[in-house]
């Protein structure tokens, strides 16, 4: 994904490709992926993977499973209230989440190398992640990217895998003026082969 990508105005809206068209909840998500965790040898379009947060309070944990893979615990953190799933080109999970300590994301850092949890600013609201284009040719060409989208300080923002998720880009300023209490419910590829960002509003008591 080009870091300078802009939103199309007016929006071109078509249906999400499967499995992004499945209903997600705060604690459950779906993502197309490869044959096994940490195995991108068959590409990223093999099967549908499922994320589910188990537990409550101080003993919450994130698990993933697939038709050929029984549930596997990826990590645990206290008071997880939100989680979204993606995979990088090598089928390492990228999971954005909100826990008691605040918003963060789990990812494989090739510079360690190893899995890492990186905190996001406390002002970030419900971050969502996706691999933007899962087709093998895009992986071969190095064109695809994990995209993290969220609302921060009233703006619709994103970060990219190719920039190690360091740089925050603003897609749309003051989205809070368009929809009350906005958050990115999901992000994924549409049938029109465009990256589609679903922004919802929430009423907080």
N, C-alpha and C. Protein backbone atom coordinates (compact mmCIF):
# COMPACT_ATOMS: atom_id res chain seq x y z
N UNK A 1 0.84 -1.20 0.00
CA UNK A 1 0.00 0.00 0.00
C UNK A 1 0.87 1.24 0.00
N UNK A 2 0.54 2.16 -0.85
CA UNK A 2 1.26 3.43 -0.91
C UNK A 2 0.93 4.26 0.32
N UNK A 3 1.95 4.71 1.07
CA UNK A 3 1.66 5.50 2.28
C UNK A 3 0.85 6.76 2.02
N UNK A 4 0.87 7.25 0.78
CA UNK A 4 0.17 8.50 0.46
C UNK A 4 -1.24 8.26 -0.07
N UNK A 5 -1.78 7.06 0.12
CA UNK A 5 -3.12 6.75 -0.37
C UNK A 5 -4.14 7.70 0.25
N UNK A 6 -5.14 8.07 -0.56
CA UNK A 6 -6.16 9.00 -0.07
C UNK A 6 -7.53 8.35 -0.18
N UNK A 7 -8.49 8.87 0.57
CA UNK A 7 -9.85 8.39 0.48
C UNK A 7 -10.50 8.87 -0.80
N UNK A 8 -11.29 8.00 -1.41
CA UNK A 8 -12.04 8.39 -2.60
C UNK A 8 -13.29 9.15 -2.16
N UNK A 9 -13.49 10.32 -2.73
CA UNK A 9 -14.66 11.14 -2.42
C UNK A 9 -15.42 11.47 -3.70
N UNK A 10 -16.73 11.17 -3.77
CA UNK A 10 -17.50 10.47 -2.75
C UNK A 10 -17.11 9.00 -2.68
N UNK A 11 -17.41 8.32 -1.57
CA UNK A 11 -17.00 6.93 -1.40
C UNK A 11 -17.59 6.02 -2.47
N UNK A 12 -16.80 5.03 -2.91
CA UNK A 12 -17.27 3.98 -3.81
C UNK A 12 -17.50 2.74 -2.95
N UNK A 13 -18.75 2.44 -2.67
CA UNK A 13 -19.07 1.40 -1.69
C UNK A 13 -19.62 0.17 -2.40
N UNK A 14 -18.93 -0.96 -2.25
CA UNK A 14 -19.43 -2.26 -2.66
C UNK A 14 -19.28 -3.21 -1.48
N UNK A 15 -19.82 -4.40 -1.61
CA UNK A 15 -19.80 -5.35 -0.50
C UNK A 15 -18.38 -5.80 -0.19
N UNK A 16 -18.14 -6.16 1.07
CA UNK A 16 -16.86 -6.74 1.45
C UNK A 16 -16.70 -8.11 0.82
N UNK A 17 -15.47 -8.45 0.47
CA UNK A 17 -15.16 -9.82 0.11
C UNK A 17 -15.23 -10.70 1.36
N UNK A 18 -15.51 -11.98 1.17
CA UNK A 18 -15.49 -12.93 2.28
C UNK A 18 -14.06 -13.07 2.80
N UNK A 19 -13.84 -13.17 4.10
CA UNK A 19 -14.83 -13.27 5.17
C UNK A 19 -15.12 -11.94 5.86
N UNK A 20 -14.66 -10.83 5.26
CA UNK A 20 -14.90 -9.53 5.89
C UNK A 20 -16.38 -9.16 5.90
N UNK A 21 -17.17 -9.91 5.12
CA UNK A 21 -18.61 -9.67 5.12
C UNK A 21 -19.31 -10.37 6.28
N UNK A 22 -18.59 -11.17 7.05
CA UNK A 22 -19.17 -11.82 8.21
C UNK A 22 -19.30 -10.82 9.36
N UNK A 23 -20.30 -10.98 10.21
CA UNK A 23 -20.47 -10.05 11.32
C UNK A 23 -19.39 -10.24 12.38
N UNK A 24 -18.74 -9.17 12.74
CA UNK A 24 -17.76 -9.18 13.83
C UNK A 24 -18.37 -8.53 15.06
N UNK A 25 -17.90 -8.95 16.20
CA UNK A 25 -18.27 -8.29 17.45
C UNK A 25 -17.02 -7.69 18.06
N UNK A 26 -17.15 -7.06 19.18
CA UNK A 26 -15.96 -6.48 19.82
C UNK A 26 -14.90 -7.53 20.11
N UNK A 27 -15.34 -8.77 20.37
CA UNK A 27 -14.42 -9.82 20.82
C UNK A 27 -14.30 -10.98 19.85
N UNK A 28 -14.79 -10.81 18.63
CA UNK A 28 -14.72 -11.89 17.64
C UNK A 28 -14.49 -11.29 16.26
N UNK A 29 -13.62 -11.95 15.47
CA UNK A 29 -13.31 -11.42 14.15
C UNK A 29 -12.92 -12.57 13.23
N UNK A 30 -12.88 -12.28 11.91
CA UNK A 30 -12.59 -13.28 10.89
C UNK A 30 -11.61 -12.68 9.89
N UNK A 31 -10.71 -13.53 9.37
CA UNK A 31 -9.75 -13.04 8.38
C UNK A 31 -9.30 -14.19 7.49
N UNK A 32 -9.21 -13.95 6.19
CA UNK A 32 -8.68 -14.95 5.29
C UNK A 32 -7.17 -15.06 5.50
N UNK A 33 -6.66 -16.29 5.43
CA UNK A 33 -5.23 -16.48 5.66
C UNK A 33 -4.72 -17.77 5.04
N UNK A 34 -3.55 -18.16 5.44
CA UNK A 34 -2.84 -19.27 4.84
C UNK A 34 -3.09 -20.62 5.47
N UNK A 35 -2.20 -21.55 5.17
CA UNK A 35 -2.38 -22.95 5.56
C UNK A 35 -2.12 -23.18 7.04
N UNK A 36 -1.25 -22.37 7.65
CA UNK A 36 -0.91 -22.55 9.06
C UNK A 36 -0.29 -21.26 9.60
N UNK A 37 -0.31 -21.11 10.90
CA UNK A 37 0.35 -19.97 11.51
C UNK A 37 1.84 -19.99 11.20
N UNK A 38 2.38 -18.83 10.88
CA UNK A 38 3.80 -18.67 10.54
C UNK A 38 4.20 -19.47 9.31
N UNK A 39 3.24 -19.77 8.43
CA UNK A 39 3.53 -20.52 7.21
C UNK A 39 2.77 -19.87 6.04
N UNK A 40 3.47 -19.02 5.31
CA UNK A 40 2.86 -18.35 4.18
C UNK A 40 3.13 -19.04 2.85
N UNK A 41 3.59 -20.30 2.89
CA UNK A 41 4.03 -20.99 1.67
C UNK A 41 2.90 -21.21 0.67
N UNK A 42 1.66 -21.29 1.13
CA UNK A 42 0.52 -21.52 0.24
C UNK A 42 -0.24 -20.23 -0.07
N UNK A 43 0.31 -19.10 0.34
CA UNK A 43 -0.37 -17.84 0.12
C UNK A 43 -1.30 -17.49 1.26
N UNK A 44 -2.08 -16.44 1.06
CA UNK A 44 -2.94 -15.89 2.11
C UNK A 44 -4.42 -16.06 1.79
N UNK A 45 -4.74 -16.96 0.85
CA UNK A 45 -6.13 -17.15 0.44
C UNK A 45 -6.56 -18.62 0.59
N UNK A 46 -6.05 -19.30 1.58
CA UNK A 46 -6.29 -20.74 1.74
C UNK A 46 -7.57 -21.02 2.51
N UNK A 47 -7.78 -20.33 3.64
CA UNK A 47 -8.91 -20.64 4.51
C UNK A 47 -9.24 -19.44 5.38
N UNK A 48 -10.39 -19.52 6.02
CA UNK A 48 -10.84 -18.46 6.90
C UNK A 48 -10.40 -18.76 8.33
N UNK A 49 -9.74 -17.79 8.93
CA UNK A 49 -9.30 -17.88 10.32
C UNK A 49 -10.25 -17.09 11.21
N UNK A 50 -10.36 -17.53 12.44
CA UNK A 50 -11.33 -16.99 13.39
C UNK A 50 -10.60 -16.56 14.66
N UNK A 51 -10.89 -15.36 15.12
CA UNK A 51 -10.34 -14.85 16.38
C UNK A 51 -11.46 -14.76 17.40
N UNK A 52 -11.15 -15.14 18.63
CA UNK A 52 -12.12 -15.04 19.72
C UNK A 52 -11.38 -14.73 21.01
N UNK A 53 -11.91 -13.78 21.76
CA UNK A 53 -11.35 -13.45 23.08
C UNK A 53 -12.07 -14.29 24.13
N UNK A 54 -11.30 -15.00 24.93
CA UNK A 54 -11.84 -15.84 25.99
C UNK A 54 -11.62 -15.17 27.35
N UNK A 55 -12.50 -15.49 28.29
CA UNK A 55 -12.33 -15.03 29.65
C UNK A 55 -12.95 -13.67 29.90
N UNK A 56 -12.71 -13.16 31.09
CA UNK A 56 -13.22 -11.85 31.47
C UNK A 56 -12.32 -11.26 32.54
N UNK A 57 -12.42 -9.96 32.71
CA UNK A 57 -11.64 -9.29 33.75
C UNK A 57 -10.14 -9.46 33.56
N UNK A 58 -9.47 -9.86 34.59
CA UNK A 58 -8.00 -9.93 34.59
C UNK A 58 -7.47 -11.15 33.85
N UNK A 59 -8.34 -12.04 33.40
CA UNK A 59 -7.88 -13.28 32.78
C UNK A 59 -8.42 -13.44 31.37
N UNK A 60 -8.25 -12.43 30.53
CA UNK A 60 -8.68 -12.52 29.14
C UNK A 60 -7.50 -12.92 28.24
N UNK A 61 -7.81 -13.62 27.15
CA UNK A 61 -6.78 -14.06 26.23
C UNK A 61 -7.35 -14.12 24.82
N UNK A 62 -6.47 -14.00 23.84
CA UNK A 62 -6.85 -14.00 22.43
C UNK A 62 -6.46 -15.34 21.80
N UNK A 63 -7.44 -15.97 21.15
CA UNK A 63 -7.24 -17.27 20.51
C UNK A 63 -7.61 -17.16 19.04
N UNK A 64 -6.94 -17.97 18.20
CA UNK A 64 -7.31 -18.08 16.79
C UNK A 64 -7.44 -19.55 16.43
N UNK A 65 -8.30 -19.82 15.44
CA UNK A 65 -8.46 -21.17 14.93
C UNK A 65 -8.83 -21.11 13.46
N UNK A 66 -8.76 -22.24 12.79
CA UNK A 66 -9.11 -22.37 11.38
C UNK A 66 -9.62 -23.78 11.16
N UNK A 67 -10.21 -24.07 10.00
CA UNK A 67 -10.71 -25.42 9.76
C UNK A 67 -9.69 -26.52 9.99
N UNK A 68 -8.41 -26.25 9.74
CA UNK A 68 -7.39 -27.28 9.95
C UNK A 68 -6.54 -27.04 11.20
N UNK A 69 -6.94 -26.06 12.01
CA UNK A 69 -6.14 -25.68 13.18
C UNK A 69 -7.03 -25.51 14.40
N UNK A 70 -6.84 -26.33 15.44
CA UNK A 70 -7.63 -26.14 16.66
C UNK A 70 -7.25 -24.82 17.33
N UNK A 71 -8.08 -24.33 18.25
CA UNK A 71 -7.80 -23.04 18.89
C UNK A 71 -6.41 -22.96 19.50
N UNK A 72 -5.73 -21.86 19.20
CA UNK A 72 -4.38 -21.60 19.70
C UNK A 72 -4.38 -20.27 20.42
N UNK A 73 -3.87 -20.24 21.64
CA UNK A 73 -3.78 -18.96 22.35
C UNK A 73 -2.60 -18.17 21.82
N UNK A 74 -2.87 -16.92 21.42
CA UNK A 74 -1.81 -16.07 20.87
C UNK A 74 -1.16 -15.24 21.96
N UNK A 75 -1.95 -14.63 22.82
CA UNK A 75 -1.42 -13.89 23.97
C UNK A 75 -2.54 -13.65 24.97
N UNK A 76 -2.17 -13.22 26.14
CA UNK A 76 -3.13 -12.88 27.20
C UNK A 76 -2.83 -11.48 27.72
N UNK A 77 -3.88 -10.80 28.13
CA UNK A 77 -3.75 -9.47 28.73
C UNK A 77 -4.99 -9.23 29.57
N UNK A 78 -4.88 -8.40 30.56
CA UNK A 78 -6.01 -8.15 31.44
C UNK A 78 -7.05 -7.25 30.77
N UNK A 79 -8.31 -7.62 30.92
CA UNK A 79 -9.43 -6.77 30.51
C UNK A 79 -9.42 -6.40 29.02
N UNK A 80 -9.28 -7.40 28.16
CA UNK A 80 -9.38 -7.16 26.73
C UNK A 80 -10.85 -6.93 26.38
N UNK A 81 -11.12 -5.81 25.72
CA UNK A 81 -12.51 -5.46 25.37
C UNK A 81 -12.71 -5.32 23.87
N UNK A 82 -11.65 -5.49 23.09
CA UNK A 82 -11.72 -5.29 21.63
C UNK A 82 -10.54 -6.01 20.99
N UNK A 83 -10.79 -6.67 19.84
CA UNK A 83 -9.68 -7.32 19.13
C UNK A 83 -10.04 -7.50 17.66
N UNK A 84 -9.06 -7.31 16.78
CA UNK A 84 -9.21 -7.51 15.35
C UNK A 84 -7.97 -8.24 14.82
N UNK A 85 -8.20 -9.09 13.78
CA UNK A 85 -7.18 -10.02 13.30
C UNK A 85 -6.74 -9.72 11.87
N UNK A 86 -5.44 -9.83 11.63
CA UNK A 86 -4.86 -9.84 10.29
C UNK A 86 -3.65 -10.77 10.31
N UNK A 87 -3.08 -11.01 9.13
CA UNK A 87 -1.84 -11.78 9.03
C UNK A 87 -0.89 -11.04 8.10
N UNK A 88 0.41 -11.11 8.42
CA UNK A 88 1.39 -10.53 7.50
C UNK A 88 1.69 -11.53 6.38
N UNK A 89 2.64 -11.22 5.53
CA UNK A 89 2.92 -12.05 4.36
C UNK A 89 3.43 -13.43 4.73
N UNK A 90 3.95 -13.59 5.92
CA UNK A 90 4.47 -14.88 6.39
C UNK A 90 3.53 -15.56 7.37
N UNK A 91 2.28 -15.10 7.40
CA UNK A 91 1.24 -15.69 8.24
C UNK A 91 1.51 -15.55 9.74
N UNK A 92 2.22 -14.47 10.08
CA UNK A 92 2.32 -14.12 11.49
C UNK A 92 1.09 -13.29 11.86
N UNK A 93 0.42 -13.60 12.96
CA UNK A 93 -0.76 -12.81 13.34
C UNK A 93 -0.40 -11.37 13.66
N UNK A 94 -1.26 -10.47 13.22
CA UNK A 94 -1.23 -9.07 13.64
C UNK A 94 -2.59 -8.80 14.27
N UNK A 95 -2.59 -8.50 15.55
CA UNK A 95 -3.85 -8.36 16.29
C UNK A 95 -3.87 -7.00 16.97
N UNK A 96 -4.80 -6.16 16.56
CA UNK A 96 -5.00 -4.88 17.25
C UNK A 96 -6.04 -5.10 18.34
N UNK A 97 -5.83 -4.46 19.48
CA UNK A 97 -6.73 -4.73 20.60
C UNK A 97 -6.75 -3.57 21.57
N UNK A 98 -7.74 -3.61 22.44
CA UNK A 98 -7.82 -2.67 23.55
C UNK A 98 -7.94 -3.51 24.82
N UNK A 99 -7.07 -3.25 25.77
CA UNK A 99 -7.08 -3.95 27.05
C UNK A 99 -7.09 -2.92 28.18
N UNK A 100 -7.00 -3.42 29.39
CA UNK A 100 -7.02 -2.51 30.53
C UNK A 100 -5.88 -1.50 30.50
N UNK A 101 -4.75 -1.89 29.91
CA UNK A 101 -3.61 -0.99 29.81
C UNK A 101 -3.74 0.00 28.67
N UNK A 102 -4.77 -0.17 27.81
CA UNK A 102 -4.99 0.75 26.71
C UNK A 102 -4.89 0.06 25.36
N UNK A 103 -4.99 0.83 24.27
CA UNK A 103 -4.90 0.26 22.92
C UNK A 103 -3.47 -0.18 22.60
N UNK A 104 -3.36 -1.27 21.82
CA UNK A 104 -2.05 -1.81 21.48
C UNK A 104 -2.21 -2.76 20.30
N UNK A 105 -1.09 -3.34 19.85
CA UNK A 105 -1.17 -4.36 18.81
C UNK A 105 -0.06 -5.39 19.01
N UNK A 106 -0.41 -6.63 18.69
CA UNK A 106 0.50 -7.77 18.73
C UNK A 106 0.98 -8.01 17.31
N UNK A 107 2.30 -8.17 17.11
CA UNK A 107 2.83 -8.38 15.77
C UNK A 107 4.18 -9.05 15.84
N UNK A 108 4.61 -9.59 14.69
CA UNK A 108 5.93 -10.17 14.58
C UNK A 108 6.89 -9.09 14.09
N UNK A 109 7.87 -8.77 14.92
CA UNK A 109 8.85 -7.75 14.58
C UNK A 109 10.09 -8.45 14.02
N UNK A 110 10.36 -8.31 12.72
CA UNK A 110 11.50 -9.01 12.12
C UNK A 110 12.86 -8.52 12.61
N UNK A 111 12.90 -7.38 13.25
CA UNK A 111 14.17 -6.86 13.76
C UNK A 111 14.56 -7.48 15.09
N UNK A 112 13.61 -8.13 15.78
CA UNK A 112 13.97 -8.74 17.06
C UNK A 112 14.84 -10.00 16.87
N UNK A 113 14.44 -10.98 16.09
CA UNK A 113 13.09 -11.21 15.54
C UNK A 113 12.22 -11.91 16.58
N UNK A 114 10.91 -11.64 16.51
CA UNK A 114 9.99 -12.29 17.44
C UNK A 114 8.73 -11.49 17.60
N UNK A 115 7.79 -12.08 18.31
CA UNK A 115 6.51 -11.42 18.57
C UNK A 115 6.70 -10.29 19.57
N UNK A 116 5.88 -9.26 19.41
CA UNK A 116 6.00 -8.09 20.25
C UNK A 116 4.62 -7.46 20.43
N UNK A 117 4.38 -6.85 21.57
CA UNK A 117 3.18 -6.05 21.80
C UNK A 117 3.61 -4.60 21.92
N UNK A 118 3.03 -3.76 21.06
CA UNK A 118 3.39 -2.35 21.03
C UNK A 118 2.18 -1.50 21.42
N UNK A 119 2.37 -0.62 22.36
CA UNK A 119 1.29 0.24 22.82
C UNK A 119 1.01 1.34 21.79
N UNK A 120 -0.24 1.73 21.70
CA UNK A 120 -0.66 2.88 20.90
C UNK A 120 -1.01 4.03 21.84
N UNK A 121 -1.09 5.25 21.33
CA UNK A 121 -1.49 6.37 22.20
C UNK A 121 -2.85 6.09 22.85
N UNK A 122 -3.01 6.55 24.06
CA UNK A 122 -4.23 6.28 24.81
C UNK A 122 -5.47 6.88 24.17
N UNK A 123 -5.27 7.84 23.25
CA UNK A 123 -6.39 8.49 22.57
C UNK A 123 -6.91 7.70 21.38
N UNK A 124 -6.22 6.61 21.01
CA UNK A 124 -6.65 5.77 19.89
C UNK A 124 -7.89 4.98 20.29
N UNK A 125 -8.89 4.94 19.39
CA UNK A 125 -10.15 4.25 19.65
C UNK A 125 -10.22 2.99 18.79
N UNK A 126 -10.37 1.84 19.42
CA UNK A 126 -10.67 0.56 18.76
C UNK A 126 -9.95 0.36 17.42
N UNK A 127 -8.65 0.13 17.42
CA UNK A 127 -7.92 -0.06 16.16
C UNK A 127 -8.33 -1.36 15.45
N UNK A 128 -8.40 -1.30 14.12
CA UNK A 128 -8.71 -2.47 13.30
C UNK A 128 -7.58 -2.70 12.31
N UNK A 129 -7.36 -3.98 11.93
CA UNK A 129 -6.26 -4.32 11.02
C UNK A 129 -6.75 -5.23 9.90
N UNK A 130 -6.02 -5.19 8.78
CA UNK A 130 -6.25 -6.12 7.68
C UNK A 130 -5.01 -6.17 6.81
N UNK A 131 -4.82 -7.29 6.09
CA UNK A 131 -3.89 -7.31 4.98
C UNK A 131 -4.65 -6.78 3.78
N UNK A 132 -4.18 -5.69 3.18
CA UNK A 132 -5.01 -4.99 2.20
C UNK A 132 -5.29 -5.82 0.95
N UNK A 133 -4.30 -6.52 0.41
CA UNK A 133 -4.50 -7.32 -0.80
C UNK A 133 -3.81 -8.66 -0.60
N UNK A 134 -4.60 -9.71 -0.49
CA UNK A 134 -4.07 -11.03 -0.12
C UNK A 134 -3.63 -11.86 -1.31
N UNK A 135 -3.80 -11.36 -2.53
CA UNK A 135 -3.42 -12.12 -3.71
C UNK A 135 -1.91 -12.37 -3.75
N UNK A 136 -1.53 -13.59 -4.16
CA UNK A 136 -0.12 -14.00 -4.13
C UNK A 136 0.77 -13.10 -4.96
N UNK A 137 0.27 -12.61 -6.10
CA UNK A 137 1.07 -11.75 -6.95
C UNK A 137 1.46 -10.47 -6.23
N UNK A 138 0.57 -9.97 -5.38
CA UNK A 138 0.88 -8.75 -4.63
C UNK A 138 1.94 -8.99 -3.57
N UNK A 139 1.91 -10.20 -2.97
CA UNK A 139 2.96 -10.56 -2.02
C UNK A 139 4.29 -10.70 -2.73
N UNK A 140 4.29 -11.36 -3.90
CA UNK A 140 5.52 -11.56 -4.67
C UNK A 140 6.13 -10.23 -5.08
N UNK A 141 5.28 -9.29 -5.47
CA UNK A 141 5.76 -7.97 -5.92
C UNK A 141 6.08 -7.04 -4.75
N UNK A 142 5.69 -7.45 -3.54
CA UNK A 142 5.92 -6.59 -2.38
C UNK A 142 5.01 -5.40 -2.32
N UNK A 143 3.82 -5.54 -2.93
CA UNK A 143 2.90 -4.41 -2.98
C UNK A 143 1.89 -4.38 -1.84
N UNK A 144 1.67 -5.53 -1.20
CA UNK A 144 0.62 -5.56 -0.18
C UNK A 144 1.16 -5.14 1.19
N UNK A 145 0.23 -4.87 2.09
CA UNK A 145 0.60 -4.26 3.36
C UNK A 145 -0.46 -4.57 4.40
N UNK A 146 -0.05 -4.75 5.63
CA UNK A 146 -1.01 -4.75 6.74
C UNK A 146 -1.33 -3.30 7.05
N UNK A 147 -2.62 -3.00 7.10
CA UNK A 147 -3.07 -1.63 7.38
C UNK A 147 -3.81 -1.62 8.71
N UNK A 148 -3.45 -0.70 9.56
CA UNK A 148 -4.13 -0.50 10.84
C UNK A 148 -4.88 0.83 10.78
N UNK A 149 -6.19 0.79 10.99
CA UNK A 149 -7.01 1.99 10.92
C UNK A 149 -7.70 2.23 12.26
N UNK A 150 -7.87 3.51 12.59
CA UNK A 150 -8.50 3.84 13.87
C UNK A 150 -8.85 5.32 13.88
N UNK A 151 -9.60 5.70 14.88
CA UNK A 151 -9.89 7.11 15.12
C UNK A 151 -9.00 7.59 16.27
N UNK A 152 -8.36 8.74 16.06
CA UNK A 152 -7.50 9.32 17.09
C UNK A 152 -7.72 10.83 17.12
N UNK A 153 -8.10 11.34 18.28
CA UNK A 153 -8.36 12.77 18.44
C UNK A 153 -9.34 13.29 17.40
N UNK A 154 -10.35 12.48 17.11
CA UNK A 154 -11.40 12.91 16.20
C UNK A 154 -11.10 12.74 14.73
N UNK A 155 -9.89 12.24 14.39
CA UNK A 155 -9.48 12.06 13.00
C UNK A 155 -9.43 10.57 12.64
N UNK A 156 -9.73 10.25 11.37
CA UNK A 156 -9.58 8.89 10.88
C UNK A 156 -8.14 8.71 10.42
N UNK A 157 -7.43 7.75 11.03
CA UNK A 157 -6.00 7.61 10.82
C UNK A 157 -5.63 6.19 10.42
N UNK A 158 -4.40 6.01 9.94
CA UNK A 158 -3.92 4.67 9.64
C UNK A 158 -2.40 4.60 9.81
N UNK A 159 -1.91 3.36 10.00
CA UNK A 159 -0.49 3.05 10.04
C UNK A 159 -0.24 1.84 9.16
N UNK A 160 1.01 1.67 8.70
CA UNK A 160 1.34 0.62 7.75
C UNK A 160 2.47 -0.28 8.25
N UNK A 161 2.35 -1.55 7.90
CA UNK A 161 3.40 -2.52 8.20
C UNK A 161 4.74 -2.08 7.62
N UNK A 162 4.76 -1.60 6.37
CA UNK A 162 6.02 -1.27 5.70
C UNK A 162 6.75 -0.14 6.40
N UNK A 163 6.04 0.59 7.25
CA UNK A 163 6.68 1.64 8.05
C UNK A 163 6.80 1.22 9.51
N UNK A 164 6.69 -0.09 9.73
CA UNK A 164 6.79 -0.66 11.09
C UNK A 164 5.73 -0.06 12.03
N UNK A 165 4.63 0.39 11.44
CA UNK A 165 3.51 0.95 12.20
C UNK A 165 3.90 2.16 13.04
N UNK A 166 4.98 2.82 12.65
CA UNK A 166 5.48 3.94 13.45
C UNK A 166 4.77 5.24 13.10
N UNK A 167 4.57 5.49 11.80
CA UNK A 167 4.05 6.77 11.33
C UNK A 167 2.53 6.76 11.28
N UNK A 168 1.92 7.74 11.90
CA UNK A 168 0.47 7.90 11.83
C UNK A 168 0.12 8.84 10.67
N UNK A 169 -0.72 8.34 9.76
CA UNK A 169 -1.21 9.15 8.65
C UNK A 169 -2.68 9.49 8.92
N UNK A 170 -3.10 10.64 8.49
CA UNK A 170 -4.50 11.06 8.67
C UNK A 170 -5.22 10.91 7.34
N UNK A 171 -6.26 10.08 7.33
CA UNK A 171 -7.10 9.91 6.15
C UNK A 171 -8.14 11.03 6.05
N UNK A 172 -8.76 11.32 7.19
CA UNK A 172 -9.85 12.30 7.19
C UNK A 172 -9.85 13.04 8.52
N UNK A 173 -9.73 14.35 8.47
CA UNK A 173 -9.74 15.13 9.70
C UNK A 173 -11.18 15.34 10.18
N UNK A 174 -11.31 15.41 11.47
CA UNK A 174 -12.59 15.74 12.11
C UNK A 174 -13.74 14.84 11.66
N UNK A 175 -13.47 13.54 11.56
CA UNK A 175 -14.57 12.62 11.27
C UNK A 175 -15.60 12.64 12.40
N UNK A 176 -15.16 13.11 13.55
CA UNK A 176 -16.06 13.24 14.70
C UNK A 176 -17.17 14.24 14.42
N UNK A 177 -16.96 15.14 13.45
CA UNK A 177 -18.01 16.09 13.08
C UNK A 177 -19.05 15.47 12.16
N UNK A 178 -18.74 14.29 11.59
CA UNK A 178 -19.64 13.61 10.67
C UNK A 178 -20.45 12.54 11.38
N UNK A 179 -19.82 11.83 12.29
CA UNK A 179 -20.48 10.75 13.03
C UNK A 179 -20.07 10.85 14.49
N UNK A 180 -21.03 10.73 15.37
CA UNK A 180 -20.75 10.89 16.80
C UNK A 180 -20.02 9.66 17.34
N UNK A 181 -19.02 9.90 18.18
CA UNK A 181 -18.26 8.83 18.83
C UNK A 181 -17.81 7.77 17.82
N UNK A 182 -17.08 8.16 16.78
CA UNK A 182 -16.75 7.22 15.71
C UNK A 182 -15.69 6.20 16.11
N UNK A 183 -15.77 5.02 15.49
CA UNK A 183 -14.72 4.01 15.60
C UNK A 183 -14.72 3.18 14.33
N UNK A 184 -13.58 2.61 13.99
CA UNK A 184 -13.46 1.74 12.82
C UNK A 184 -13.87 0.34 13.23
N UNK A 185 -15.03 -0.09 12.77
CA UNK A 185 -15.51 -1.43 13.11
C UNK A 185 -14.75 -2.51 12.37
N UNK A 186 -14.44 -2.26 11.10
CA UNK A 186 -13.62 -3.20 10.34
C UNK A 186 -13.03 -2.50 9.14
N UNK A 187 -11.98 -3.10 8.59
CA UNK A 187 -11.36 -2.63 7.37
C UNK A 187 -11.00 -3.85 6.55
N UNK A 188 -11.25 -3.81 5.23
CA UNK A 188 -10.96 -4.95 4.39
C UNK A 188 -11.21 -4.63 2.93
N UNK A 189 -10.89 -5.60 2.07
CA UNK A 189 -11.04 -5.41 0.63
C UNK A 189 -12.48 -5.64 0.22
N UNK A 190 -12.96 -4.79 -0.69
CA UNK A 190 -14.33 -4.92 -1.19
C UNK A 190 -14.35 -5.67 -2.51
N UNK A 191 -15.56 -5.99 -2.99
CA UNK A 191 -15.70 -6.66 -4.27
C UNK A 191 -15.20 -5.80 -5.42
N UNK A 192 -15.12 -4.50 -5.21
CA UNK A 192 -14.56 -3.60 -6.21
C UNK A 192 -13.06 -3.47 -6.14
N UNK A 193 -12.42 -4.35 -5.31
CA UNK A 193 -10.97 -4.34 -5.11
C UNK A 193 -10.48 -2.98 -4.61
N UNK A 194 -11.27 -2.40 -3.74
CA UNK A 194 -10.88 -1.19 -3.01
C UNK A 194 -10.88 -1.49 -1.53
N UNK A 195 -9.96 -0.86 -0.82
CA UNK A 195 -9.93 -1.02 0.63
C UNK A 195 -11.10 -0.23 1.22
N UNK A 196 -11.95 -0.93 1.95
CA UNK A 196 -13.17 -0.33 2.48
C UNK A 196 -13.06 -0.22 4.00
N UNK A 197 -13.31 0.97 4.51
CA UNK A 197 -13.25 1.24 5.94
C UNK A 197 -14.66 1.47 6.46
N UNK A 198 -15.08 0.63 7.37
CA UNK A 198 -16.43 0.77 7.95
C UNK A 198 -16.32 1.51 9.28
N UNK A 199 -16.87 2.72 9.31
CA UNK A 199 -16.84 3.54 10.51
C UNK A 199 -18.24 3.56 11.12
N UNK A 200 -18.31 3.26 12.39
CA UNK A 200 -19.58 3.30 13.10
C UNK A 200 -19.50 4.32 14.23
N UNK A 201 -20.66 4.65 14.75
CA UNK A 201 -20.72 5.53 15.91
C UNK A 201 -21.21 4.73 17.11
N UNK A 202 -20.90 5.22 18.27
CA UNK A 202 -21.32 4.53 19.50
C UNK A 202 -21.79 5.55 20.50
N UNK A 203 -22.79 5.16 21.27
CA UNK A 203 -23.31 6.01 22.34
C UNK A 203 -22.75 5.50 23.66
N UNK A 204 -21.95 6.34 24.28
CA UNK A 204 -21.32 5.94 25.54
C UNK A 204 -22.12 6.51 26.70
N UNK A 205 -22.45 5.65 27.64
CA UNK A 205 -23.21 6.07 28.81
C UNK A 205 -22.30 6.73 29.83
